[in-house]
N, C-alpha and C. Protein backbone atom coordinates (compact mmCIF):
# COMPACT_ATOMS: atom_id res chain seq x y z
N MET A 1 30.79 2.55 -30.20
CA MET A 1 29.62 2.73 -28.74
C MET A 1 27.99 3.02 -29.20
N LYS A 2 26.97 2.52 -29.31
CA LYS A 2 25.96 3.51 -28.93
C LYS A 2 25.12 4.16 -27.89
N ILE A 3 24.70 5.14 -28.71
CA ILE A 3 24.50 5.84 -28.11
C ILE A 3 22.78 5.97 -28.01
N ARG A 4 22.31 5.90 -25.97
CA ARG A 4 20.59 5.96 -26.23
C ARG A 4 20.02 7.07 -25.88
N LYS A 5 18.84 7.14 -26.59
CA LYS A 5 18.25 8.43 -26.25
C LYS A 5 17.00 8.30 -25.11
N PHE A 6 16.65 6.59 -24.90
CA PHE A 6 16.00 6.89 -23.72
C PHE A 6 17.07 5.56 -22.89
N TYR A 7 16.49 5.75 -21.41
CA TYR A 7 17.90 5.74 -20.59
C TYR A 7 16.67 4.53 -19.36
N PRO A 8 16.28 3.63 -19.70
CA PRO A 8 15.01 3.11 -18.57
C PRO A 8 15.41 2.95 -17.33
N ARG A 9 16.15 2.92 -16.86
CA ARG A 9 16.59 3.48 -14.83
C ARG A 9 15.84 4.85 -14.69
N GLN A 10 15.84 5.71 -15.44
CA GLN A 10 16.27 6.80 -14.61
C GLN A 10 15.06 7.18 -14.97
N VAL A 11 14.03 7.30 -16.16
CA VAL A 11 12.75 6.95 -16.38
C VAL A 11 11.80 6.93 -15.44
N LEU A 12 12.56 5.62 -14.83
CA LEU A 12 12.11 4.57 -13.99
C LEU A 12 11.91 5.50 -12.34
N ARG A 13 12.92 5.81 -12.54
CA ARG A 13 13.03 6.11 -11.07
C ARG A 13 12.15 8.10 -11.54
N ALA A 14 12.28 7.86 -12.44
CA ALA A 14 11.40 9.91 -12.54
C ALA A 14 9.86 9.90 -11.78
N LEU A 15 9.53 8.38 -11.98
CA LEU A 15 7.84 7.90 -11.93
C LEU A 15 7.24 7.57 -10.61
N GLU A 16 8.89 6.91 -9.91
CA GLU A 16 8.53 7.24 -8.08
C GLU A 16 8.28 8.66 -7.59
N GLY A 17 7.14 8.02 -6.93
CA GLY A 17 6.54 8.65 -5.50
C GLY A 17 5.69 9.58 -6.78
N LYS A 18 5.02 9.13 -7.82
CA LYS A 18 4.05 9.94 -8.15
C LYS A 18 2.31 9.32 -8.18
N ASP A 19 1.64 10.22 -8.26
CA ASP A 19 0.31 9.88 -7.54
C ASP A 19 -0.51 9.53 -10.22
N VAL A 20 -0.42 7.78 -9.60
CA VAL A 20 -0.90 7.54 -10.98
C VAL A 20 -2.20 8.14 -11.80
N GLN A 21 -2.87 8.93 -10.88
CA GLN A 21 -4.04 9.62 -11.62
C GLN A 21 -3.52 11.21 -12.55
N LYS A 22 -2.58 11.51 -11.77
CA LYS A 22 -2.10 12.89 -11.78
C LYS A 22 -0.81 13.07 -12.52
N ILE A 23 0.10 11.87 -13.94
CA ILE A 23 1.15 11.26 -15.07
C ILE A 23 -0.19 11.43 -15.90
N ASP A 24 1.06 12.27 -16.94
CA ASP A 24 0.60 11.89 -17.96
C ASP A 24 0.40 10.79 -18.87
N ASN A 25 -0.28 10.82 -20.58
CA ASN A 25 -0.22 9.65 -21.33
C ASN A 25 1.34 9.43 -21.51
N GLY A 26 2.10 9.78 -21.41
CA GLY A 26 3.66 9.62 -22.41
C GLY A 26 4.58 8.63 -20.24
N GLN A 27 4.10 8.78 -19.78
CA GLN A 27 4.31 8.40 -18.48
C GLN A 27 3.39 6.86 -18.50
N ARG A 28 2.48 7.36 -18.36
CA ARG A 28 1.73 6.17 -18.52
C ARG A 28 1.97 4.93 -18.88
N LYS A 29 2.42 5.14 -20.74
CA LYS A 29 2.61 3.96 -20.96
C LYS A 29 4.00 3.28 -21.07
N ALA A 30 5.40 4.44 -19.93
CA ALA A 30 6.08 3.93 -19.46
C ALA A 30 5.69 2.99 -18.03
N LEU A 31 5.44 3.79 -17.11
CA LEU A 31 4.91 2.93 -16.63
C LEU A 31 4.16 1.01 -16.52
N VAL A 32 3.20 0.79 -17.85
CA VAL A 32 2.92 -0.06 -18.54
C VAL A 32 4.59 -0.83 -19.01
N TYR A 33 4.78 -0.22 -19.63
CA TYR A 33 5.89 -0.58 -20.11
C TYR A 33 7.53 -1.47 -19.05
N PHE A 34 7.26 -0.29 -17.76
CA PHE A 34 7.92 -1.14 -16.81
C PHE A 34 7.68 -2.45 -15.73
N MET A 35 5.95 -2.32 -16.22
CA MET A 35 5.62 -3.00 -15.08
C MET A 35 5.41 -4.81 -16.07
N LYS A 36 5.36 -4.54 -17.27
CA LYS A 36 5.67 -5.95 -18.40
C LYS A 36 7.00 -6.34 -18.36
N ARG A 37 8.33 -5.17 -17.52
CA ARG A 37 9.45 -6.33 -18.28
C ARG A 37 10.40 -5.90 -16.87
N SER A 38 9.39 -5.47 -15.58
CA SER A 38 10.83 -4.67 -14.46
C SER A 38 11.05 -6.48 -13.92
N ARG A 39 11.08 -7.59 -14.17
CA ARG A 39 11.47 -8.67 -13.46
C ARG A 39 12.41 -8.65 -13.99
N LYS A 40 13.05 -8.92 -15.74
CA LYS A 40 13.88 -8.36 -16.52
C LYS A 40 14.71 -8.02 -16.07
N MET A 41 14.80 -5.94 -15.67
CA MET A 41 15.55 -5.54 -15.22
C MET A 41 15.98 -5.87 -14.25
N ASN A 42 15.19 -7.04 -12.73
CA ASN A 42 15.49 -6.70 -11.79
C ASN A 42 15.76 -5.72 -10.78
N GLN A 43 14.35 -5.34 -11.18
CA GLN A 43 13.79 -4.18 -10.41
C GLN A 43 12.38 -4.49 -9.83
N GLU A 44 11.62 -4.04 -8.90
CA GLU A 44 9.78 -4.29 -8.63
C GLU A 44 9.38 -3.16 -8.32
N ILE A 45 7.95 -2.95 -9.50
CA ILE A 45 7.00 -1.90 -9.31
C ILE A 45 6.09 -2.22 -8.57
N PHE A 46 5.77 -0.93 -6.91
CA PHE A 46 4.25 -1.49 -6.25
C PHE A 46 3.81 -0.55 -6.50
N ILE A 47 2.05 -0.46 -6.76
CA ILE A 47 0.97 0.49 -6.77
C ILE A 47 0.67 0.86 -5.62
N LEU A 48 0.28 1.60 -5.38
CA LEU A 48 -0.16 1.41 -3.96
C LEU A 48 -1.20 2.72 -3.04
N ASN A 49 -1.85 2.17 -2.79
CA ASN A 49 -3.05 3.00 -2.65
C ASN A 49 -3.31 3.46 -0.89
N ASP A 50 -3.53 4.70 -0.57
CA ASP A 50 -3.87 5.24 1.25
C ASP A 50 -4.89 4.10 2.00
N ALA A 51 -6.31 3.78 0.98
CA ALA A 51 -7.23 3.20 0.97
C ALA A 51 -7.56 1.26 2.39
N THR A 52 -7.90 1.65 4.23
CA THR A 52 -8.07 0.56 4.74
C THR A 52 -9.37 -0.29 4.07
N LYS A 53 -8.65 -0.64 5.23
CA LYS A 53 -10.16 -2.01 5.08
C LYS A 53 -11.88 -1.21 5.70
N SER A 54 -11.56 -0.79 6.79
CA SER A 54 -12.12 -0.02 7.38
C SER A 54 -12.82 0.96 6.25
N ASP A 55 -11.97 1.90 5.69
CA ASP A 55 -12.76 2.55 4.96
C ASP A 55 -14.34 2.16 3.74
N PHE A 56 -13.55 0.45 4.10
CA PHE A 56 -14.46 -0.13 3.29
C PHE A 56 -15.69 -1.00 3.31
N ALA A 57 -15.30 -0.37 5.06
CA ALA A 57 -16.78 -1.53 5.61
C ALA A 57 -17.90 -0.50 5.85
N GLY A 58 -17.84 0.71 5.28
CA GLY A 58 -19.44 1.48 5.06
C GLY A 58 -20.01 1.41 4.28
N ALA A 59 -19.09 0.61 2.78
CA ALA A 59 -19.27 0.57 1.36
C ALA A 59 -21.16 -0.08 1.33
N VAL A 60 -21.21 0.68 1.02
CA VAL A 60 -22.63 -1.15 0.97
C VAL A 60 -22.69 -1.73 -0.57
N ASN A 61 -23.06 -0.98 -1.88
CA ASN A 61 -22.85 -1.60 -3.01
C ASN A 61 -21.44 -1.41 -3.42
N LYS A 62 -21.44 -1.96 -5.07
CA LYS A 62 -20.10 -1.39 -5.66
C LYS A 62 -20.18 -0.44 -5.76
N GLU A 63 -20.87 0.50 -5.90
CA GLU A 63 -20.68 1.86 -6.22
C GLU A 63 -19.92 2.62 -5.45
N THR A 64 -20.33 2.31 -4.67
CA THR A 64 -20.05 3.25 -3.36
C THR A 64 -18.38 2.62 -2.65
N ALA A 65 -17.57 1.33 -3.49
CA ALA A 65 -16.84 1.51 -3.03
C ALA A 65 -15.90 1.86 -4.06
N GLU A 66 -16.70 1.90 -5.58
CA GLU A 66 -15.78 2.44 -6.94
C GLU A 66 -15.14 4.13 -6.81
N ALA A 67 -16.45 4.86 -5.92
CA ALA A 67 -16.37 5.81 -5.15
C ALA A 67 -15.54 6.55 -4.23
N ILE A 68 -15.06 5.24 -3.52
CA ILE A 68 -13.96 5.38 -2.70
C ILE A 68 -12.74 5.07 -3.10
N LEU A 69 -12.39 3.89 -3.77
CA LEU A 69 -11.58 4.03 -4.83
C LEU A 69 -10.67 4.98 -5.36
N ALA A 70 -11.77 5.96 -6.56
CA ALA A 70 -11.87 7.32 -7.42
C ALA A 70 -11.04 8.26 -6.61
N ASN A 71 -11.42 8.07 -4.84
CA ASN A 71 -10.80 9.36 -4.19
C ASN A 71 -9.94 9.34 -2.93
N VAL A 72 -8.93 8.33 -3.47
CA VAL A 72 -7.67 7.70 -2.90
C VAL A 72 -6.87 8.10 -3.49
N THR A 73 -5.82 7.89 -2.98
CA THR A 73 -4.23 8.21 -3.56
C THR A 73 -3.11 6.56 -4.26
N THR A 74 -2.98 7.57 -5.55
CA THR A 74 -2.51 5.61 -5.09
C THR A 74 -1.47 6.23 -6.03
N LYS A 75 -0.43 6.22 -5.80
CA LYS A 75 1.46 5.97 -5.76
C LYS A 75 2.37 5.32 -6.14
N ILE A 76 3.30 5.79 -6.95
CA ILE A 76 4.30 4.22 -8.32
C ILE A 76 5.38 4.53 -6.35
N PHE A 77 5.58 3.20 -5.83
CA PHE A 77 6.92 3.11 -5.54
C PHE A 77 7.78 1.86 -6.17
N LEU A 78 8.92 2.02 -6.41
CA LEU A 78 9.79 1.19 -6.33
C LEU A 78 11.06 0.04 -5.36
N LYS A 79 11.66 -1.16 -5.91
CA LYS A 79 12.78 -1.72 -4.97
C LYS A 79 13.42 -1.71 -6.25
N MET A 80 14.64 -0.81 -5.65
CA MET A 80 16.21 -0.98 -6.76
C MET A 80 16.65 -2.02 -6.26
N PRO A 81 17.94 -2.80 -6.62
CA PRO A 81 19.06 -3.90 -6.25
C PRO A 81 19.63 -2.90 -6.04
N ILE A 82 19.99 -3.59 -4.61
CA ILE A 82 21.59 -3.50 -4.04
C ILE A 82 22.41 -3.71 -5.28
N THR A 83 23.12 -2.68 -5.75
CA THR A 83 24.33 -3.21 -6.52
C THR A 83 25.59 -3.14 -5.75
N ALA A 84 26.55 -3.83 -6.57
CA ALA A 84 27.46 -3.77 -5.60
C ALA A 84 28.84 -2.76 -5.95
């Protein structure tokens, strides 16, 4: 029996709900790994932020819009399949 040191689903569950800007480099690489292979693993990964259209209504130029995006919280959400 093969003993694994890397359990992908446990690592993925540990990333859920974390702020993308506050994760370390190893977690960022794991997130990229999962985003590339999520379909094969039957998982859905969403990276959502709390910015709304009304936040961008006052943005006059591109720099202002980028400043708004830099200040919003971006979190990781998962949709796990239902297992029987």
